[in-house]
């Protein structure tokens, strides 16, 4: 994709603590990506003074004024009608117009997805975009998709998700041959409905057949059985929210255990180095950034309540996708896929 010189457009006003956290994140991002140029979109008068106190970000960023902000409560339909002068829309317009290769926003998720699909549009080869994220597992990071963009999917959608997930794992995780699995109710070949079995058959015969693990079950996600987990948006969203709840339960239980008595507090001091490593490994900021794959540009959604480090990580993900020509990889992968016969969605 040809751009007008900006690596990414940044919605400076999206998120719970914008623009402060966004600008702090860009100060970190500018240090990590010294050759990158960013288009910072938001309230120019407010941002200008704040950039002066962040010299690396000031050097790497150009500012474009936006008079409006899409609130967290605004519905996607309202954002489409009323948000033309918002920081999110103007940042997305920069991608659609070829000025920037991608956009990062911590703003309203539904609005970002709706605007991106309407304004940036999907790649010609893609039927539906998918929402993806990176999560921890026992063997390292794992890519999960779809996480809610498509509640119902047919075999073609699942195959396209698999190709996008494979390309994403190569570009962002740096894996040369990522393993891939279809989430199912069992690992046996006869398990699941027609669409899942049709997608599996197509993937086995495809160019990524050698790394296609087959069907996996829910426990395989945390075990790290595969590098890429593919499923429909309904199942993927349930799996994601269940995992998030489990991680929170683990943190709460550890806190209770180590504060329950004086011996327990002493035990915490002894275990603190190991617990610090565990906390770093499970730090949600390392996994900040949900990615809408399959669009004619890079679109990354940062968590609205993240801090500067988390926002910088979302920028890192977007930059990896731009640098490694992510969309070109998708086109190349889909060109090698034999199209499956679509099975009806349940």
Protein backbone atom coordinates (compact mmCIF):
# COMPACT_ATOMS: atom_id res chain seq x y z
CA UNK A 1 0.00 0.00 0.00
CA UNK A 2 1.44 3.37 -1.03
CA UNK A 3 1.31 6.03 1.67
CA UNK A 4 2.02 9.71 1.83
CA UNK A 5 4.86 9.35 4.31
CA UNK A 6 3.13 8.47 7.60
CA UNK A 7 3.65 5.03 9.05
CA UNK A 8 0.58 5.35 11.26
CA UNK A 9 -2.25 7.74 12.04
CA UNK A 10 -2.91 8.03 15.79
CA UNK A 11 -6.25 8.94 17.36
CA UNK A 12 -4.90 11.21 20.08
CA UNK A 13 -8.27 11.78 21.77
CA UNK A 14 -9.53 8.20 22.11
CA UNK A 15 -9.36 6.40 25.45
CA UNK A 16 -10.07 6.97 29.13
CA UNK A 17 -7.05 9.19 29.78
CA UNK A 18 -6.45 10.76 26.39
CA UNK A 19 -4.57 12.65 25.22
CA UNK A 20 -2.04 12.39 28.08
CA UNK A 21 -1.58 8.62 27.95
CA UNK A 22 -1.55 8.60 24.15
CA UNK A 23 1.22 11.20 24.02
CA UNK A 24 3.22 9.42 26.72
CA UNK A 25 2.84 6.23 24.69
CA UNK A 26 4.01 8.00 21.55
CA UNK A 27 7.11 9.23 23.39
CA UNK A 28 7.99 5.56 23.99
CA UNK A 29 6.97 4.51 20.48
CA UNK A 30 9.11 7.22 18.86
CA UNK A 31 12.12 5.91 20.75
CA UNK A 32 11.43 2.32 19.64
CA UNK A 33 10.81 3.26 16.00
CA UNK A 34 13.28 6.05 15.23
CA UNK A 35 12.56 6.11 11.49
CA UNK A 36 8.78 6.22 11.74
CA UNK A 37 6.54 9.21 11.12
CA UNK A 38 3.17 9.51 12.85
CA UNK A 39 0.10 11.62 12.12
CA UNK A 40 -1.35 12.67 15.47
CA UNK A 41 -5.03 13.63 15.17
CA UNK A 42 -6.86 15.62 17.84
CA UNK A 43 -7.33 19.00 19.50
CA UNK A 44 -4.36 20.87 18.01
CA UNK A 45 -4.21 23.60 20.66
CA UNK A 46 -4.24 21.11 23.48
CA UNK A 47 -1.85 18.62 21.90
CA UNK A 48 0.70 21.21 20.79
CA UNK A 49 1.63 22.32 24.28
CA UNK A 50 1.76 18.75 25.56
CA UNK A 51 4.06 17.64 22.72
CA UNK A 52 6.56 20.32 23.68
CA UNK A 53 7.21 18.35 26.88
CA UNK A 54 7.77 15.11 24.95
CA UNK A 55 10.67 15.82 22.58
CA UNK A 56 10.91 12.41 20.89
CA UNK A 57 7.19 12.36 20.11
CA UNK A 58 7.32 15.98 18.93
CA UNK A 59 10.06 15.13 16.46
CA UNK A 60 8.27 12.04 15.09
CA UNK A 61 4.71 13.40 14.95
CA UNK A 62 2.77 15.85 12.81
CA UNK A 63 -0.50 17.17 14.25
CA UNK A 64 -3.83 17.43 12.42
CA UNK A 65 -6.69 19.21 14.12
CA UNK A 66 -9.98 17.45 14.89
CA UNK A 67 -12.73 19.42 16.55
CA UNK A 68 -14.78 16.44 17.83
CA UNK A 69 -14.29 13.25 19.84
CA UNK A 70 -16.33 10.05 19.57
CA UNK A 71 -17.40 9.25 23.12
CA UNK A 72 -17.27 5.79 24.65
CA UNK A 73 -21.08 5.77 24.81
CA UNK A 74 -21.74 6.71 21.17
CA UNK A 75 -23.32 3.94 19.11
CA UNK A 76 -21.55 2.87 15.90
CA UNK A 77 -24.45 4.10 13.75
CA UNK A 78 -24.24 7.53 15.37
CA UNK A 79 -20.47 7.58 14.88
CA UNK A 80 -20.97 6.95 11.17
CA UNK A 81 -23.48 9.80 10.89
CA UNK A 82 -22.07 12.38 13.29
CA UNK A 83 -18.37 11.64 13.63
CA UNK A 84 -16.96 13.01 10.39
CA UNK A 85 -14.93 15.70 12.20
CA UNK A 86 -13.85 13.43 15.04
CA UNK A 87 -10.24 12.47 15.75
CA UNK A 88 -11.03 8.79 15.09
CA UNK A 89 -12.68 9.43 11.73
CA UNK A 90 -9.99 11.80 10.48
CA UNK A 91 -7.28 9.29 11.48
CA UNK A 92 -9.14 6.53 9.61
CA UNK A 93 -9.63 8.82 6.61
CA UNK A 94 -5.84 9.21 6.46
CA UNK A 95 -5.52 5.45 5.99
CA UNK A 96 -8.30 5.29 3.39
CA UNK A 97 -6.71 8.19 1.50
CA UNK A 98 -3.27 6.58 1.43
CA UNK A 99 -1.59 9.09 3.74
CA UNK A 100 -0.90 6.47 6.42
CA UNK A 101 -0.51 2.69 6.34
CA UNK A 102 -2.50 2.14 9.51
CA UNK A 103 -4.31 3.61 12.49
CA UNK A 104 -4.17 3.07 16.26
CA UNK A 105 -6.98 4.19 18.56
CA UNK A 106 -7.93 3.59 22.19
CA UNK A 107 -11.41 4.93 21.56
CA UNK A 108 -14.87 3.40 21.17
CA UNK A 109 -14.41 -0.19 19.89
CA UNK A 110 -17.73 -0.47 18.07
CA UNK A 111 -17.25 2.89 16.37
CA UNK A 112 -13.70 2.02 15.30
CA UNK A 113 -14.81 -1.29 13.78
CA UNK A 114 -17.77 0.27 11.98
CA UNK A 115 -15.80 3.22 10.62
CA UNK A 116 -12.86 1.05 9.56
CA UNK A 117 -15.08 -1.40 7.67
CA UNK A 118 -17.01 1.38 5.92
CA UNK A 119 -14.17 3.84 5.24
CA UNK A 120 -11.03 1.68 4.88
CA UNK A 121 -13.01 -1.28 3.46
CA UNK A 122 -12.00 -4.93 3.32
CA UNK A 123 -9.37 -6.36 1.03
CA UNK A 124 -10.93 -7.56 -2.26
CA UNK A 125 -9.95 -11.15 -1.40
CA UNK A 126 -11.63 -11.09 2.04
CA UNK A 127 -15.31 -11.77 2.67
CA UNK A 128 -15.28 -10.53 6.28
CA UNK A 129 -12.63 -8.97 8.50
CA UNK A 130 -11.76 -10.66 11.81
CA UNK A 131 -10.84 -9.33 15.24
CA UNK A 132 -7.61 -10.86 16.53
CA UNK A 133 -5.47 -10.56 19.66
CA UNK A 134 -2.35 -12.04 21.24
CA UNK A 135 -2.61 -13.96 24.51
CA UNK A 136 -0.17 -15.83 26.78
CA UNK A 137 0.11 -19.61 26.86
CA UNK A 138 2.35 -22.21 28.48
CA UNK A 139 4.53 -22.26 25.34
CA UNK A 140 4.59 -18.54 24.57
CA UNK A 141 2.31 -16.11 22.79
CA UNK A 142 -0.71 -17.35 20.84
CA UNK A 143 -2.89 -15.57 18.26
CA UNK A 144 -6.68 -15.83 18.69
CA UNK A 145 -9.28 -14.95 16.03
CA UNK A 146 -12.13 -14.17 15.49
CA UNK A 147 -12.94 -12.53 18.83
CA UNK A 148 -16.31 -11.02 18.08
CA UNK A 149 -16.42 -9.32 14.70
CA UNK A 150 -18.43 -12.18 13.13
CA UNK A 151 -20.89 -14.09 15.30
CA UNK A 152 -21.77 -16.53 12.51
CA UNK A 153 -19.20 -17.83 10.05
CA UNK A 154 -19.13 -20.31 7.17
CA UNK A 155 -16.25 -22.51 6.01
CA UNK A 156 -14.87 -19.81 3.71
CA UNK A 157 -14.68 -17.33 6.59
CA UNK A 158 -12.81 -19.79 8.80
CA UNK A 159 -10.29 -20.52 6.05
CA UNK A 160 -9.72 -16.81 5.49
CA UNK A 161 -9.27 -16.31 9.25
CA UNK A 162 -6.68 -19.08 9.22
CA UNK A 163 -4.69 -17.43 6.42
CA UNK A 164 -4.86 -14.07 8.20
CA UNK A 165 -3.83 -15.64 11.51
CA UNK A 166 -0.90 -17.41 9.85
CA UNK A 167 0.26 -14.15 8.23
CA UNK A 168 -0.17 -12.25 11.50
CA UNK A 169 1.86 -14.78 13.51
CA UNK A 170 4.66 -14.55 10.96
CA UNK A 171 4.65 -10.74 10.88
CA UNK A 172 4.14 -9.92 14.57
CA UNK A 173 5.36 -12.99 16.47
CA UNK A 174 8.22 -13.63 14.05
CA UNK A 175 7.35 -17.31 13.56
CA UNK A 176 8.57 -18.95 10.36
CA UNK A 177 6.03 -21.79 10.40
CA UNK A 178 3.27 -21.10 12.95
CA UNK A 179 1.10 -24.07 13.86
CA UNK A 180 -2.63 -23.58 13.51
CA UNK A 181 -5.75 -25.19 14.95
CA UNK A 182 -9.52 -24.92 14.54
CA UNK A 183 -11.32 -24.63 17.88
CA UNK A 184 -13.88 -27.42 18.14
CA UNK A 185 -15.83 -29.56 20.62
CA UNK A 186 -13.26 -32.34 20.25
CA UNK A 187 -10.00 -33.14 18.50
CA UNK A 188 -11.33 -36.08 16.48
CA UNK A 189 -11.80 -35.50 12.74
CA UNK A 190 -15.53 -36.31 12.84
CA UNK A 191 -16.30 -33.79 15.60
CA UNK A 192 -18.01 -30.48 14.92
CA UNK A 193 -20.44 -29.24 12.30
CA UNK A 194 -20.18 -29.21 8.50
CA UNK A 195 -18.57 -25.79 8.22
CA UNK A 196 -15.72 -26.63 10.61
CA UNK A 197 -15.03 -29.96 8.91
CA UNK A 198 -15.15 -28.32 5.45
CA UNK A 199 -12.69 -25.63 6.57
CA UNK A 200 -10.37 -28.28 8.03
CA UNK A 201 -10.39 -30.24 4.77
CA UNK A 202 -9.50 -27.14 2.77
CA UNK A 203 -6.68 -26.21 5.15
CA UNK A 204 -5.21 -29.73 5.08
CA UNK A 205 -4.94 -29.48 1.28
CA UNK A 206 -3.58 -25.93 1.29
CA UNK A 207 -0.07 -24.47 1.34
CA UNK A 208 -0.27 -24.27 5.16
CA UNK A 209 -1.39 -27.89 5.47
CA UNK A 210 1.98 -28.96 6.88
CA UNK A 211 1.50 -26.68 9.89
CA UNK A 212 -2.24 -27.28 10.30
CA UNK A 213 -2.64 -29.18 13.57
CA UNK A 214 -6.32 -29.95 13.05
CA UNK A 215 -9.02 -29.55 15.68
CA UNK A 216 -8.21 -28.32 19.17
CA UNK A 217 -10.26 -27.93 22.34
CA UNK A 218 -10.58 -25.08 24.82
CA UNK A 219 -7.81 -26.28 27.13
CA UNK A 220 -5.36 -26.27 24.21
CA UNK A 221 -5.41 -22.45 24.12
CA UNK A 222 -3.69 -22.03 27.49
CA UNK A 223 -1.53 -25.09 26.88
CA UNK A 224 -0.11 -23.49 23.75
CA UNK A 225 -0.84 -26.55 21.63
CA UNK A 226 -0.85 -24.30 18.54
CA UNK A 227 0.38 -20.79 17.72
CA UNK A 228 -2.85 -19.68 16.02
CA UNK A 229 -6.37 -20.50 17.25
CA UNK A 230 -9.16 -20.02 14.69
CA UNK A 231 -12.86 -19.93 15.50
CA UNK A 232 -16.05 -17.94 14.89
CA UNK A 233 -16.60 -14.64 16.69
CA UNK A 234 -19.19 -15.97 19.13
CA UNK A 235 -17.01 -18.80 20.43
CA UNK A 236 -13.85 -16.70 20.32
CA UNK A 237 -15.36 -13.90 22.38
CA UNK A 238 -16.63 -16.35 25.00
CA UNK A 239 -13.20 -18.02 25.16
CA UNK A 240 -11.45 -14.65 25.52
CA UNK A 241 -13.72 -13.38 28.29
CA UNK A 242 -13.43 -16.72 30.13
CA UNK A 243 -9.63 -16.53 29.97
CA UNK A 244 -9.63 -12.93 31.21
CA UNK A 245 -11.85 -13.91 34.13
CA UNK A 246 -9.60 -16.85 35.00
CA UNK A 247 -6.49 -14.66 35.04
CA UNK A 248 -8.22 -12.17 37.32
CA UNK A 249 -9.29 -15.00 39.64
CA UNK A 250 -5.70 -16.24 39.81
CA UNK A 251 -4.41 -12.78 40.74
CA UNK A 252 -7.11 -12.34 43.39
CA UNK A 253 -6.45 -15.76 44.93
CA UNK A 254 -2.69 -15.16 45.07
CA UNK A 255 -3.32 -11.82 46.78
CA UNK A 256 -5.58 -13.49 49.36
CA UNK A 257 -3.10 -16.30 50.00
CA UNK A 258 -0.13 -14.01 50.57
CA UNK A 259 -2.00 -11.57 52.84
CA UNK A 260 -3.86 -14.12 54.97
CA UNK A 261 -1.29 -14.33 57.80
CA UNK A 262 2.15 -13.24 58.97
CA UNK A 263 3.79 -16.51 57.76
CA UNK A 264 2.07 -16.01 54.41
CA UNK A 265 3.54 -12.50 54.12
CA UNK A 266 6.96 -13.91 54.92
CA UNK A 267 6.42 -16.52 52.23
CA UNK A 268 5.59 -13.76 49.78
CA UNK A 269 8.95 -12.10 50.42
CA UNK A 270 10.71 -15.38 49.65
CA UNK A 271 8.62 -15.98 46.54
CA UNK A 272 8.70 -12.37 45.34
CA UNK A 273 11.36 -12.78 42.59
CA UNK A 274 9.39 -15.62 41.00
CA UNK A 275 6.10 -13.76 41.41
CA UNK A 276 7.60 -10.67 39.80
CA UNK A 277 8.55 -12.77 36.77
CA UNK A 278 5.04 -14.22 36.69
CA UNK A 279 3.52 -10.73 36.91
CA UNK A 280 5.70 -9.53 34.04
CA UNK A 281 4.76 -12.56 31.92
CA UNK A 282 1.03 -12.02 32.54
CA UNK A 283 1.15 -8.21 32.32
CA UNK A 284 -1.91 -7.26 30.22
CA UNK A 285 0.01 -4.33 28.75
CA UNK A 286 2.15 -6.83 26.83
CA UNK A 287 -0.98 -8.04 25.06
CA UNK A 288 -2.66 -4.67 24.52
CA UNK A 289 -3.97 -4.15 21.04
CA UNK A 290 -6.83 -5.95 19.32
CA UNK A 291 -6.35 -6.04 15.56
CA UNK A 292 -9.00 -5.88 12.86
CA UNK A 293 -7.56 -8.11 10.14
CA UNK A 294 -8.62 -8.21 6.51
CA UNK A 295 -8.98 -4.47 5.90
CA UNK A 296 -7.22 -2.42 3.24
CA UNK A 297 -4.93 -1.00 5.91
CA UNK A 298 -3.73 -1.75 9.43
CA UNK A 299 -6.27 -1.07 12.20
CA UNK A 300 -5.30 -1.64 15.87
CA UNK A 301 -7.57 -1.03 18.86
CA UNK A 302 -5.78 -0.25 22.12
CA UNK A 303 -7.59 -0.88 25.41
CA UNK A 304 -9.22 2.35 26.51
CA UNK A 305 -7.89 2.14 30.06
CA UNK A 306 -4.29 1.24 29.26
CA UNK A 307 -1.24 3.26 30.29
CA UNK A 308 1.60 4.64 28.18
CA UNK A 309 3.45 1.32 28.01
CA UNK A 310 0.31 -0.48 26.87
CA UNK A 311 -0.43 2.11 24.18
CA UNK A 312 3.16 1.92 22.96
CA UNK A 313 2.75 -1.85 22.64
CA UNK A 314 -0.33 -1.36 20.46
CA UNK A 315 1.78 0.92 18.25
CA UNK A 316 4.48 -1.78 18.17
CA UNK A 317 1.96 -4.32 16.86
CA UNK A 318 0.76 -1.94 14.15
CA UNK A 319 4.33 -1.08 13.13
CA UNK A 320 5.24 -4.78 12.85
CA UNK A 321 2.28 -5.30 10.52
CA UNK A 322 3.27 -2.34 8.35
CA UNK A 323 6.96 -3.24 8.26
CA UNK A 324 6.35 -6.87 7.33
CA UNK A 325 3.81 -6.07 4.58
CA UNK A 326 1.05 -7.90 6.38
CA UNK A 327 -1.68 -7.34 3.79
CA UNK A 328 0.60 -8.50 0.97
CA UNK A 329 1.15 -11.72 2.92
CA UNK A 330 -2.62 -12.23 3.17
CA UNK A 331 -3.06 -11.76 -0.57
CA UNK A 332 -0.27 -14.22 -1.30
CA UNK A 333 -1.70 -16.77 1.11
CA UNK A 334 -5.27 -16.56 -0.17
CA UNK A 335 -4.07 -16.89 -3.76
CA UNK A 336 -2.81 -20.37 -2.88
CA UNK A 337 -6.03 -21.53 -1.20
CA UNK A 338 -8.54 -23.74 -2.95
CA UNK A 339 -11.89 -22.18 -2.10
CA UNK A 340 -14.07 -24.44 0.11
CA UNK A 341 -17.70 -25.08 -0.58
CA UNK A 342 -19.51 -22.83 1.90
CA UNK A 343 -21.38 -24.73 4.58
CA UNK A 344 -24.39 -22.96 6.08
CA UNK A 345 -23.72 -21.04 9.31
CA UNK A 346 -25.51 -22.54 12.31
